[in-house]
C-alpha atoms as a PDB file:
ATOM      1  CA  MET A   1       0.000   0.000   0.000  1.00  0.00           C
ATOM      2  CA  THR A   2       1.211   3.507  -0.857  1.00  0.00           C
ATOM      3  CA  LYS A   3      -0.086   6.422   1.220  1.00  0.00           C
ATOM      4  CA  VAL A   4      -0.040   9.740  -0.622  1.00  0.00           C
ATOM      5  CA  VAL A   5      -0.550  13.406   0.145  1.00  0.00           C
ATOM      6  CA  ILE A   6      -1.685  15.574  -2.770  1.00  0.00           C
ATOM      7  CA  VAL A   7      -0.471  19.170  -2.956  1.00  0.00           C
ATOM      8  CA  GLY A   8      -2.691  21.336  -5.149  1.00  0.00           C
ATOM      9  CA  ALA A   9      -5.661  19.145  -4.235  1.00  0.00           C
ATOM     10  CA  ALA A  10      -8.309  21.693  -5.229  1.00  0.00           C
ATOM     11  CA  GLY A  11      -6.834  22.332  -8.683  1.00  0.00           C
ATOM     12  CA  ARG A  12      -7.649  20.604 -11.967  1.00  0.00           C
ATOM     13  CA  MET A  13      -5.073  17.867 -11.588  1.00  0.00           C
ATOM     14  CA  GLY A  14      -5.528  17.611  -7.842  1.00  0.00           C
ATOM     15  CA  ARG A  15      -9.234  16.889  -8.201  1.00  0.00           C
ATOM     16  CA  THR A  16      -8.516  14.329 -10.914  1.00  0.00           C
ATOM     17  CA  LEU A  17      -5.970  12.591  -8.679  1.00  0.00           C
ATOM     18  CA  VAL A  18      -8.504  12.391  -5.839  1.00  0.00           C
ATOM     19  CA  ARG A  19     -11.136  10.927  -8.184  1.00  0.00           C
ATOM     20  CA  CYS A  20      -8.713   8.312  -9.508  1.00  0.00           C
ATOM     21  CA  ILE A  21      -7.760   7.259  -5.983  1.00  0.00           C
ATOM     22  CA  ARG A  22     -11.402   7.131  -4.890  1.00  0.00           C
ATOM     23  CA  GLU A  23     -12.299   4.993  -7.899  1.00  0.00           C
ATOM     24  CA  GLY A  24      -9.326   2.638  -7.426  1.00  0.00           C
ATOM     25  CA  ALA A  25      -7.686   3.449 -10.766  1.00  0.00           C
ATOM     26  CA  VAL A  26      -4.292   2.428  -9.338  1.00  0.00           C
ATOM     27  CA  PRO A  27      -4.495  -0.452  -6.834  1.00  0.00           C
ATOM     28  CA  ASP A  28      -3.189  -0.036  -3.285  1.00  0.00           C
ATOM     29  CA  VAL A  29      -2.795   3.755  -3.415  1.00  0.00           C
ATOM     30  CA  VAL A  30      -4.644   5.589  -0.629  1.00  0.00           C
ATOM     31  CA  LEU A  31      -5.134   9.275   0.122  1.00  0.00           C
ATOM     32  CA  VAL A  32      -4.013  10.395   3.585  1.00  0.00           C
ATOM     33  CA  GLY A  33      -3.686  14.151   3.065  1.00  0.00           C
ATOM     34  CA  ALA A  34      -4.804  16.980   0.767  1.00  0.00           C
ATOM     35  CA  VAL A  35      -3.187  20.423   0.714  1.00  0.00           C
ATOM     36  CA  ASP A  36      -3.826  23.682  -1.120  1.00  0.00           C
ATOM     37  CA  LEU A  37      -3.233  27.403  -0.579  1.00  0.00           C
ATOM     38  CA  TRP A  38      -4.308  29.083   2.646  1.00  0.00           C
ATOM     39  CA  ASP A  39      -6.851  31.218   0.720  1.00  0.00           C
ATOM     40  CA  CYS A  40      -8.308  28.278  -1.220  1.00  0.00           C
ATOM     41  CA  PRO A  41     -12.140  28.564  -1.128  1.00  0.00           C
ATOM     42  CA  ASP A  42     -12.414  24.797  -0.595  1.00  0.00           C
ATOM     43  CA  LEU A  43     -10.282  24.785   2.534  1.00  0.00           C
ATOM     44  CA  GLY A  44     -11.777  22.490   5.167  1.00  0.00           C
ATOM     45  CA  ARG A  45     -14.029  20.644   2.723  1.00  0.00           C
ATOM     46  CA  ASP A  46     -13.700  16.920   2.087  1.00  0.00           C
ATOM     47  CA  ALA A  47     -11.337  16.374  -0.851  1.00  0.00           C
ATOM     48  CA  GLY A  48     -13.691  13.823  -2.380  1.00  0.00           C
ATOM     49  CA  ARG A  49     -16.597  16.253  -2.410  1.00  0.00           C
ATOM     50  CA  VAL A  50     -14.405  18.924  -3.995  1.00  0.00           C
ATOM     51  CA  ALA A  51     -13.403  16.374  -6.660  1.00  0.00           C
ATOM     52  CA  GLY A  52     -17.051  15.521  -7.373  1.00  0.00           C
ATOM     53  CA  VAL A  53     -17.070  12.034  -5.845  1.00  0.00           C
ATOM     54  CA  ASP A  54     -18.090  10.522  -2.513  1.00  0.00           C
ATOM     55  CA  GLU A  55     -16.348  11.639   0.654  1.00  0.00           C
ATOM     56  CA  VAL A  56     -12.873  10.242   1.229  1.00  0.00           C
ATOM     57  CA  GLY A  57     -12.545  11.344   4.851  1.00  0.00           C
ATOM     58  CA  VAL A  58      -9.684  13.747   4.066  1.00  0.00           C
ATOM     59  CA  PRO A  59     -10.290  17.499   4.420  1.00  0.00           C
ATOM     60  CA  ILE A  60      -8.297  19.965   2.348  1.00  0.00           C
ATOM     61  CA  GLY A  61      -5.824  21.830   4.556  1.00  0.00           C
ATOM     62  CA  CYS A  62      -3.063  24.354   3.979  1.00  0.00           C
ATOM     63  CA  ASP A  63      -0.265  22.900   6.130  1.00  0.00           C
ATOM     64  CA  LEU A  64       1.874  20.291   4.384  1.00  0.00           C
ATOM     65  CA  ALA A  65       3.945  19.765   7.523  1.00  0.00           C
ATOM     66  CA  ALA A  66       0.830  18.574   9.373  1.00  0.00           C
ATOM     67  CA  VAL A  67       0.103  15.704   6.962  1.00  0.00           C
ATOM     68  CA  ALA A  68       3.451  14.805   5.351  1.00  0.00           C
ATOM     69  CA  PRO A  69       4.504  12.511   8.261  1.00  0.00           C
ATOM     70  CA  GLN A  70       1.536  10.247   7.446  1.00  0.00           C
ATOM     71  CA  ALA A  71       2.562   9.858   3.793  1.00  0.00           C
ATOM     72  CA  ASP A  72       4.824   7.494   1.925  1.00  0.00           C
ATOM     73  CA  VAL A  73       4.966   9.912  -1.036  1.00  0.00           C
ATOM     74  CA  VAL A  74       3.995  13.546  -1.639  1.00  0.00           C
ATOM     75  CA  VAL A  75       2.419  14.167  -5.048  1.00  0.00           C
ATOM     76  CA  ASP A  76       2.775  17.833  -6.010  1.00  0.00           C
ATOM     77  CA  PHE A  77       0.799  19.562  -8.773  1.00  0.00           C
ATOM     78  CA  SER A  78       0.842  23.038  -7.262  1.00  0.00           C
ATOM     79  CA  SER A  79       2.996  25.754  -8.867  1.00  0.00           C
ATOM     80  CA  HIS A  80       6.609  26.137  -9.919  1.00  0.00           C
ATOM     81  CA  HIS A  81       7.602  28.036  -6.776  1.00  0.00           C
ATOM     82  CA  GLY A  82       5.421  25.869  -4.529  1.00  0.00           C
ATOM     83  CA  SER A  83       6.848  22.590  -5.812  1.00  0.00           C
ATOM     84  CA  THR A  84      10.380  23.938  -5.490  1.00  0.00           C
ATOM     85  CA  GLY A  85       9.987  24.889  -1.844  1.00  0.00           C
ATOM     86  CA  ASN A  86       8.151  21.674  -1.066  1.00  0.00           C
ATOM     87  CA  SER A  87      10.997  19.599  -2.499  1.00  0.00           C
ATOM     88  CA  SER A  88      13.398  21.095   0.056  1.00  0.00           C
ATOM     89  CA  ARG A  89      10.953  20.451   2.886  1.00  0.00           C
ATOM     90  CA  CYS A  90      10.271  16.875   1.791  1.00  0.00           C
ATOM     91  CA  ALA A  91      14.026  16.277   1.658  1.00  0.00           C
ATOM     92  CA  GLU A  92      14.234  17.371   5.301  1.00  0.00           C
ATOM     93  CA  TRP A  93      11.377  15.034   6.220  1.00  0.00           C
ATOM     94  CA  GLY A  94      12.675  12.123   4.128  1.00  0.00           C
ATOM     95  CA  ARG A  95       9.499  11.939   2.043  1.00  0.00           C
ATOM     96  CA  PRO A  96       9.743  10.900  -1.633  1.00  0.00           C
ATOM     97  CA  MET A  97       8.018  13.160  -4.166  1.00  0.00           C
ATOM     98  CA  VAL A  98       6.273  13.100  -7.504  1.00  0.00           C
ATOM     99  CA  ILE A  99       6.304  16.530  -9.176  1.00  0.00           C
ATOM    100  CA  GLY A 100       4.079  17.238 -12.175  1.00  0.00           C
ATOM    101  CA  THR A 101       4.367  21.017 -12.063  1.00  0.00           C
ATOM    102  CA  THR A 102       5.754  22.740 -15.154  1.00  0.00           C
ATOM    103  CA  GLY A 103       7.359  26.121 -15.786  1.00  0.00           C
ATOM    104  CA  LEU A 104      10.262  25.766 -13.327  1.00  0.00           C
ATOM    105  CA  SER A 105      13.175  28.128 -13.888  1.00  0.00           C
ATOM    106  CA  ALA A 106      16.752  26.887 -14.091  1.00  0.00           C
ATOM    107  CA  ASP A 107      17.324  27.903 -10.450  1.00  0.00           C
ATOM    108  CA  GLU A 108      14.159  26.115  -9.349  1.00  0.00           C
ATOM    109  CA  GLN A 109      15.144  22.974 -11.235  1.00  0.00           C
ATOM    110  CA  ALA A 110      18.533  23.126  -9.527  1.00  0.00           C
ATOM    111  CA  GLU A 111      16.823  23.306  -6.118  1.00  0.00           C
ATOM    112  CA  VAL A 112      14.730  20.242  -6.940  1.00  0.00           C
ATOM    113  CA  GLY A 113      17.904  18.502  -8.101  1.00  0.00           C
ATOM    114  CA  ALA A 114      19.571  19.292  -4.771  1.00  0.00           C
ATOM    115  CA  ALA A 115      16.605  17.792  -2.899  1.00  0.00           C
ATOM    116  CA  ALA A 116      16.828  14.679  -5.091  1.00  0.00           C
ATOM    117  CA  ARG A 117      20.259  13.963  -3.662  1.00  0.00           C
ATOM    118  CA  ARG A 118      18.469  13.205  -0.378  1.00  0.00           C
ATOM    119  CA  ILE A 119      15.156  11.671  -1.517  1.00  0.00           C
ATOM    120  CA  PRO A 120      13.767  10.011  -4.646  1.00  0.00           C
ATOM    121  CA  ILE A 121      11.904  12.523  -6.835  1.00  0.00           C
ATOM    122  CA  VAL A 122      10.015  11.644 -10.002  1.00  0.00           C
ATOM    123  CA  MET A 123       9.603  14.837 -12.013  1.00  0.00           C
ATOM    124  CA  SER A 124       7.974  15.019 -15.422  1.00  0.00           C
ATOM    125  CA  ALA A 125       6.016  17.568 -17.399  1.00  0.00           C
ATOM    126  CA  ASN A 126       3.795  14.733 -18.594  1.00  0.00           C
ATOM    127  CA  MET A 127       2.934  11.540 -16.729  1.00  0.00           C
ATOM    128  CA  SER A 128       1.139   9.670 -19.511  1.00  0.00           C
ATOM    129  CA  LEU A 129       2.398   6.422 -21.012  1.00  0.00           C
ATOM    130  CA  GLY A 130       1.625   7.650 -24.529  1.00  0.00           C
ATOM    131  CA  VAL A 131       3.746  10.800 -24.309  1.00  0.00           C
ATOM    132  CA  ASN A 132       6.679   9.012 -22.737  1.00  0.00           C
ATOM    133  CA  LEU A 133       6.553   6.339 -25.431  1.00  0.00           C
ATOM    134  CA  LEU A 134       6.421   9.160 -27.998  1.00  0.00           C
ATOM    135  CA  LEU A 135       9.654  10.614 -26.589  1.00  0.00           C
ATOM    136  CA  SER A 136      11.480   7.397 -27.438  1.00  0.00           C
ATOM    137  CA  LEU A 137       9.941   7.257 -30.924  1.00  0.00           C
ATOM    138  CA  LEU A 138      10.860  10.880 -31.652  1.00  0.00           C
ATOM    139  CA  GLU A 139      14.471  10.417 -30.649  1.00  0.00           C
ATOM    140  CA  ARG A 140      14.725   7.383 -32.948  1.00  0.00           C
ATOM    141  CA  ALA A 141      13.061   9.284 -35.799  1.00  0.00           C
ATOM    142  CA  ALA A 142      15.428  12.228 -35.366  1.00  0.00           C
ATOM    143  CA  VAL A 143      18.446   9.943 -35.506  1.00  0.00           C
ATOM    144  CA  ALA A 144      17.163   8.427 -38.767  1.00  0.00           C
ATOM    145  CA  LEU A 145      16.326  11.824 -40.338  1.00  0.00           C
ATOM    146  CA  ARG A 146      19.328  13.791 -39.085  1.00  0.00           C
ATOM    147  CA  ASP A 147      21.138  15.764 -41.836  1.00  0.00           C
ATOM    148  CA  ARG A 148      18.607  14.625 -44.451  1.00  0.00           C
ATOM    149  CA  GLY A 149      16.888  17.971 -44.959  1.00  0.00           C
ATOM    150  CA  TYR A 150      13.932  17.599 -42.595  1.00  0.00           C
ATOM    151  CA  ASP A 151      12.675  20.656 -40.725  1.00  0.00           C
ATOM    152  CA  VAL A 152      10.985  20.229 -37.349  1.00  0.00           C
ATOM    153  CA  GLU A 153       8.051  22.220 -35.951  1.00  0.00           C
ATOM    154  CA  ILE A 154       6.166  21.522 -32.716  1.00  0.00           C
ATOM    155  CA  VAL A 155       2.594  22.766 -32.296  1.00  0.00           C
ATOM    156  CA  GLU A 156       0.865  22.516 -28.916  1.00  0.00           C
ATOM    157  CA  ARG A 157      -2.681  23.433 -27.868  1.00  0.00           C
ATOM    158  CA  HIS A 158      -3.991  23.800 -24.309  1.00  0.00           C
ATOM    159  CA  HIS A 159      -6.894  25.286 -22.362  1.00  0.00           C
ATOM    160  CA  ARG A 160      -7.167  29.022 -21.856  1.00  0.00           C
ATOM    161  CA  GLN A 161      -5.991  28.913 -18.223  1.00  0.00           C
ATOM    162  CA  LYS A 162      -2.597  27.321 -18.868  1.00  0.00           C
ATOM    163  CA  ARG A 163       0.086  29.782 -17.839  1.00  0.00           C
ATOM    164  CA  ASP A 164       3.370  28.533 -19.275  1.00  0.00           C
ATOM    165  CA  ALA A 165       4.171  28.480 -22.980  1.00  0.00           C
ATOM    166  CA  PRO A 166       5.470  26.430 -24.639  1.00  0.00           C
ATOM    167  CA  SER A 167       4.127  23.621 -22.498  1.00  0.00           C
ATOM    168  CA  GLY A 168       6.504  21.484 -20.506  1.00  0.00           C
ATOM    169  CA  THR A 169       5.493  18.530 -22.675  1.00  0.00           C
ATOM    170  CA  ALA A 170       6.349  20.421 -25.865  1.00  0.00           C
ATOM    171  CA  LEU A 171       9.788  21.177 -24.461  1.00  0.00           C
ATOM    172  CA  MET A 172      10.262  17.491 -23.577  1.00  0.00           C
ATOM    173  CA  LEU A 173       9.360  16.508 -27.129  1.00  0.00           C
ATOM    174  CA  GLY A 174      11.722  19.123 -28.525  1.00  0.00           C
ATOM    175  CA  ALA A 175      14.532  17.920 -26.286  1.00  0.00           C
ATOM    176  CA  ALA A 176      14.029  14.349 -27.552  1.00  0.00           C
ATOM    177  CA  VAL A 177      14.277  15.509 -31.174  1.00  0.00           C
ATOM    178  CA  ALA A 178      17.319  17.664 -30.407  1.00  0.00           C
ATOM    179  CA  ALA A 179      19.025  14.702 -28.733  1.00  0.00           C
ATOM    180  CA  GLY A 180      18.409  12.613 -31.842  1.00  0.00           C
ATOM    181  CA  PHE A 181      19.940  15.394 -33.927  1.00  0.00           C
ATOM    182  CA  GLY A 182      22.972  15.419 -31.633  1.00  0.00           C
ATOM    183  CA  ARG A 183      22.236  18.936 -30.399  1.00  0.00           C
ATOM    184  CA  ARG A 184      21.054  20.670 -27.235  1.00  0.00           C
ATOM    185  CA  LEU A 185      17.548  22.131 -27.392  1.00  0.00           C
ATOM    186  CA  GLU A 186      18.809  25.527 -26.229  1.00  0.00           C
ATOM    187  CA  GLU A 187      20.987  25.734 -29.334  1.00  0.00           C
ATOM    188  CA  VAL A 188      18.256  25.102 -31.911  1.00  0.00           C
ATOM    189  CA  ALA A 189      14.897  26.208 -30.429  1.00  0.00           C
ATOM    190  CA  VAL A 190      12.899  29.069 -31.974  1.00  0.00           C
ATOM    191  CA  TYR A 191       9.754  30.224 -30.195  1.00  0.00           C
ATOM    192  CA  GLY A 192       7.136  31.555 -32.610  1.00  0.00           C
ATOM    193  CA  ARG A 193       7.799  33.649 -35.692  1.00  0.00           C
ATOM    194  CA  ARG A 194       6.888  37.153 -36.748  1.00  0.00           C
ATOM    195  CA  GLY A 195       7.954  39.582 -39.440  1.00  0.00           C
ATOM    196  CA  MET A 196      10.164  39.108 -42.467  1.00  0.00           C
ATOM    197  CA  SER A 197      13.045  36.669 -42.844  1.00  0.00           C
ATOM    198  CA  ASP A 198      15.650  36.248 -45.546  1.00  0.00           C
ATOM    199  CA  GLY A 199      13.981  33.017 -46.628  1.00  0.00           C
ATOM    200  CA  SER A 200      16.621  30.715 -45.200  1.00  0.00           C
ATOM    201  CA  ARG A 201      16.307  28.268 -42.325  1.00  0.00           C
ATOM    202  CA  PRO A 202      19.265  26.987 -40.298  1.00  0.00           C
ATOM    203  CA  GLY A 203      19.715  23.241 -40.310  1.00  0.00           C
ATOM    204  CA  GLY A 204      18.450  21.486 -37.179  1.00  0.00           C
ATOM    205  CA  GLU A 205      16.206  24.355 -36.089  1.00  0.00           C
ATOM    206  CA  ILE A 206      13.162  23.315 -33.993  1.00  0.00           C
ATOM    207  CA  GLY A 207      10.203  25.701 -34.005  1.00  0.00           C
ATOM    208  CA  PHE A 208       7.623  25.932 -31.203  1.00  0.00           C
ATOM    209  CA  HIS A 209       4.097  27.301 -31.500  1.00  0.00           C
ATOM    210  CA  ALA A 210       1.659  27.545 -28.559  1.00  0.00           C
ATOM    211  CA  MET A 211      -2.116  27.909 -28.813  1.00  0.00           C
ATOM    212  CA  ARG A 212      -4.432  28.618 -25.866  1.00  0.00           C
ATOM    213  CA  GLY A 213      -8.216  28.396 -25.786  1.00  0.00           C
ATOM    214  CA  GLY A 214     -11.317  26.764 -24.406  1.00  0.00           C
ATOM    215  CA  ASP A 215     -10.905  23.602 -22.354  1.00  0.00           C
ATOM    216  CA  ILE A 216      -8.353  21.716 -24.483  1.00  0.00           C
ATOM    217  CA  VAL A 217      -6.674  19.180 -22.206  1.00  0.00           C
ATOM    218  CA  GLY A 218      -3.515  18.925 -24.297  1.00  0.00           C
ATOM    219  CA  ASP A 219      -2.648  18.341 -27.962  1.00  0.00           C
ATOM    220  CA  HIS A 220       0.924  18.045 -29.234  1.00  0.00           C
ATOM    221  CA  THR A 221       2.089  17.519 -32.810  1.00  0.00           C
ATOM    222  CA  VAL A 222       5.689  17.183 -33.955  1.00  0.00           C
ATOM    223  CA  LEU A 223       6.194  17.687 -37.686  1.00  0.00           C
ATOM    224  CA  PHE A 224       9.184  16.513 -39.721  1.00  0.00           C
ATOM    225  CA  ALA A 225       8.830  18.407 -43.000  1.00  0.00           C
ATOM    226  CA  GLY A 226      10.947  17.172 -45.904  1.00  0.00           C
ATOM    227  CA  MET A 227      10.930  17.855 -49.639  1.00  0.00           C
ATOM    228  CA  GLY A 228       7.809  16.150 -50.952  1.00  0.00           C
ATOM    229  CA  GLU A 229       6.583  14.647 -47.676  1.00  0.00           C
ATOM    230  CA  LEU A 230       5.436  15.499 -44.169  1.00  0.00           C
ATOM    231  CA  LEU A 231       5.767  13.113 -41.230  1.00  0.00           C
ATOM    232  CA  GLU A 232       3.640  13.925 -38.159  1.00  0.00           C
ATOM    233  CA  PHE A 233       3.623  12.510 -34.626  1.00  0.00           C
ATOM    234  CA  THR A 234       0.569  13.525 -32.583  1.00  0.00           C
ATOM    235  CA  HIS A 235      -0.497  12.882 -29.017  1.00  0.00           C
ATOM    236  CA  ARG A 236      -3.946  14.021 -27.937  1.00  0.00           C
ATOM    237  CA  ALA A 237      -5.057  13.838 -24.311  1.00  0.00           C
ATOM    238  CA  THR A 238      -8.818  13.390 -24.062  1.00  0.00           C
ATOM    239  CA  GLY A 239      -8.893  13.575 -20.267  1.00  0.00           C
ATOM    240  CA  ARG A 240      -6.642  14.327 -17.317  1.00  0.00           C
ATOM    241  CA  GLU A 241      -7.071  10.810 -15.972  1.00  0.00           C
ATOM    242  CA  THR A 242      -4.123   9.564 -18.026  1.00  0.00           C
ATOM    243  CA  PHE A 243      -1.818  12.044 -16.259  1.00  0.00           C
ATOM    244  CA  ALA A 244      -3.271  11.288 -12.825  1.00  0.00           C
ATOM    245  CA  ILE A 245      -2.943   7.523 -13.228  1.00  0.00           C
ATOM    246  CA  GLY A 246       0.656   7.979 -14.351  1.00  0.00           C
ATOM    247  CA  ALA A 247       1.428  10.168 -11.337  1.00  0.00           C
ATOM    248  CA  LEU A 248      -0.065   7.629  -8.933  1.00  0.00           C
ATOM    249  CA  ARG A 249       1.909   4.820 -10.551  1.00  0.00           C
ATOM    250  CA  ALA A 250       4.998   6.989 -10.160  1.00  0.00           C
ATOM    251  CA  ALA A 251       4.211   7.431  -6.460  1.00  0.00           C
ATOM    252  CA  ALA A 252       3.966   3.672  -5.920  1.00  0.00           C
ATOM    253  CA  TRP A 253       7.213   3.211  -7.871  1.00  0.00           C
ATOM    254  CA  ALA A 254       9.116   5.961  -6.000  1.00  0.00           C
ATOM    255  CA  LYS A 255       8.153   4.753  -2.538  1.00  0.00           C
ATOM    256  CA  ASP A 256      11.151   2.463  -2.019  1.00  0.00           C
ATOM    257  CA  ARG A 257      13.652   3.952  -4.482  1.00  0.00           C
ATOM    258  CA  ALA A 258      17.096   5.288  -3.682  1.00  0.00           C
ATOM    259  CA  PRO A 259      17.542   9.083  -3.719  1.00  0.00           C
ATOM    260  CA  GLY A 260      17.779  10.499  -7.210  1.00  0.00           C
ATOM    261  CA  LEU A 261      15.971  12.551  -9.840  1.00  0.00           C
ATOM    262  CA  TYR A 262      13.873  10.220 -12.001  1.00  0.00           C
ATOM    263  CA  SER A 263      11.643  10.676 -15.036  1.00  0.00           C
ATOM    264  CA  MET A 264       8.475   8.903 -16.111  1.00  0.00           C
ATOM    265  CA  ARG A 265      10.551   7.014 -18.647  1.00  0.00           C
ATOM    266  CA  ASP A 266      12.297   5.431 -15.641  1.00  0.00           C
ATOM    267  CA  VAL A 267       8.943   4.569 -14.086  1.00  0.00           C
ATOM    268  CA  LEU A 268       7.428   3.147 -17.267  1.00  0.00           C
ATOM    269  CA  GLY A 269      10.580   1.553 -18.652  1.00  0.00           C
ATOM    270  CA  VAL A 270      10.250   3.150 -22.112  1.00  0.00           C
END
């Protein structure tokens, strides 16, 4: 059995995680704590009711320190600064973490990395099996198409409330392609285009384009455009359950791991 505390329990992903636990989507994972901001309007309410299911007997609180000792793993889908600070605290308490928050700065990623020297942390911008399988396929495709005149563009679409752009998943996909090309993403990424160009395109360039609107859960397409053909890889999330189930599987996996910073590819073995 794996006992988890959810941070960001009243948010979109937090509510989905609670529903998946309540419905037994991942066997032997139980909810022992739910945390959100001190000004959360759902503070004090049962986390199950907030998630739209039956009561789970766990009220939403605002003090992680009060519930972390009961947990085997802390699952954090809060915010980039919240997850960063929580990683340091969980390292002090010896509590493994799963972090699904995106938009961390380089300094914040370094702080999470420092915490991972003391506890196991699974951190991924996307917890789904499909996306993590796609990462492997993209890297293999990039190796095969490297230096053969194929241009790469990544188009991602998300709901209107998503704050970071490009999405963390889009950056993961771009990094996989860049690795296959034998480059670092920072060297070849271009974010959006505007105005006039001289009509040339550097070899190996990877373009990113972010769209925001409505309630789109998450669509990502990676295009390899060659002379006379277009190869597309698309992943479309139709519900947040796929991410929640992946995060809960990661929690069960991380429970007894050695300290270190792990990805979902480690968890899923892809």
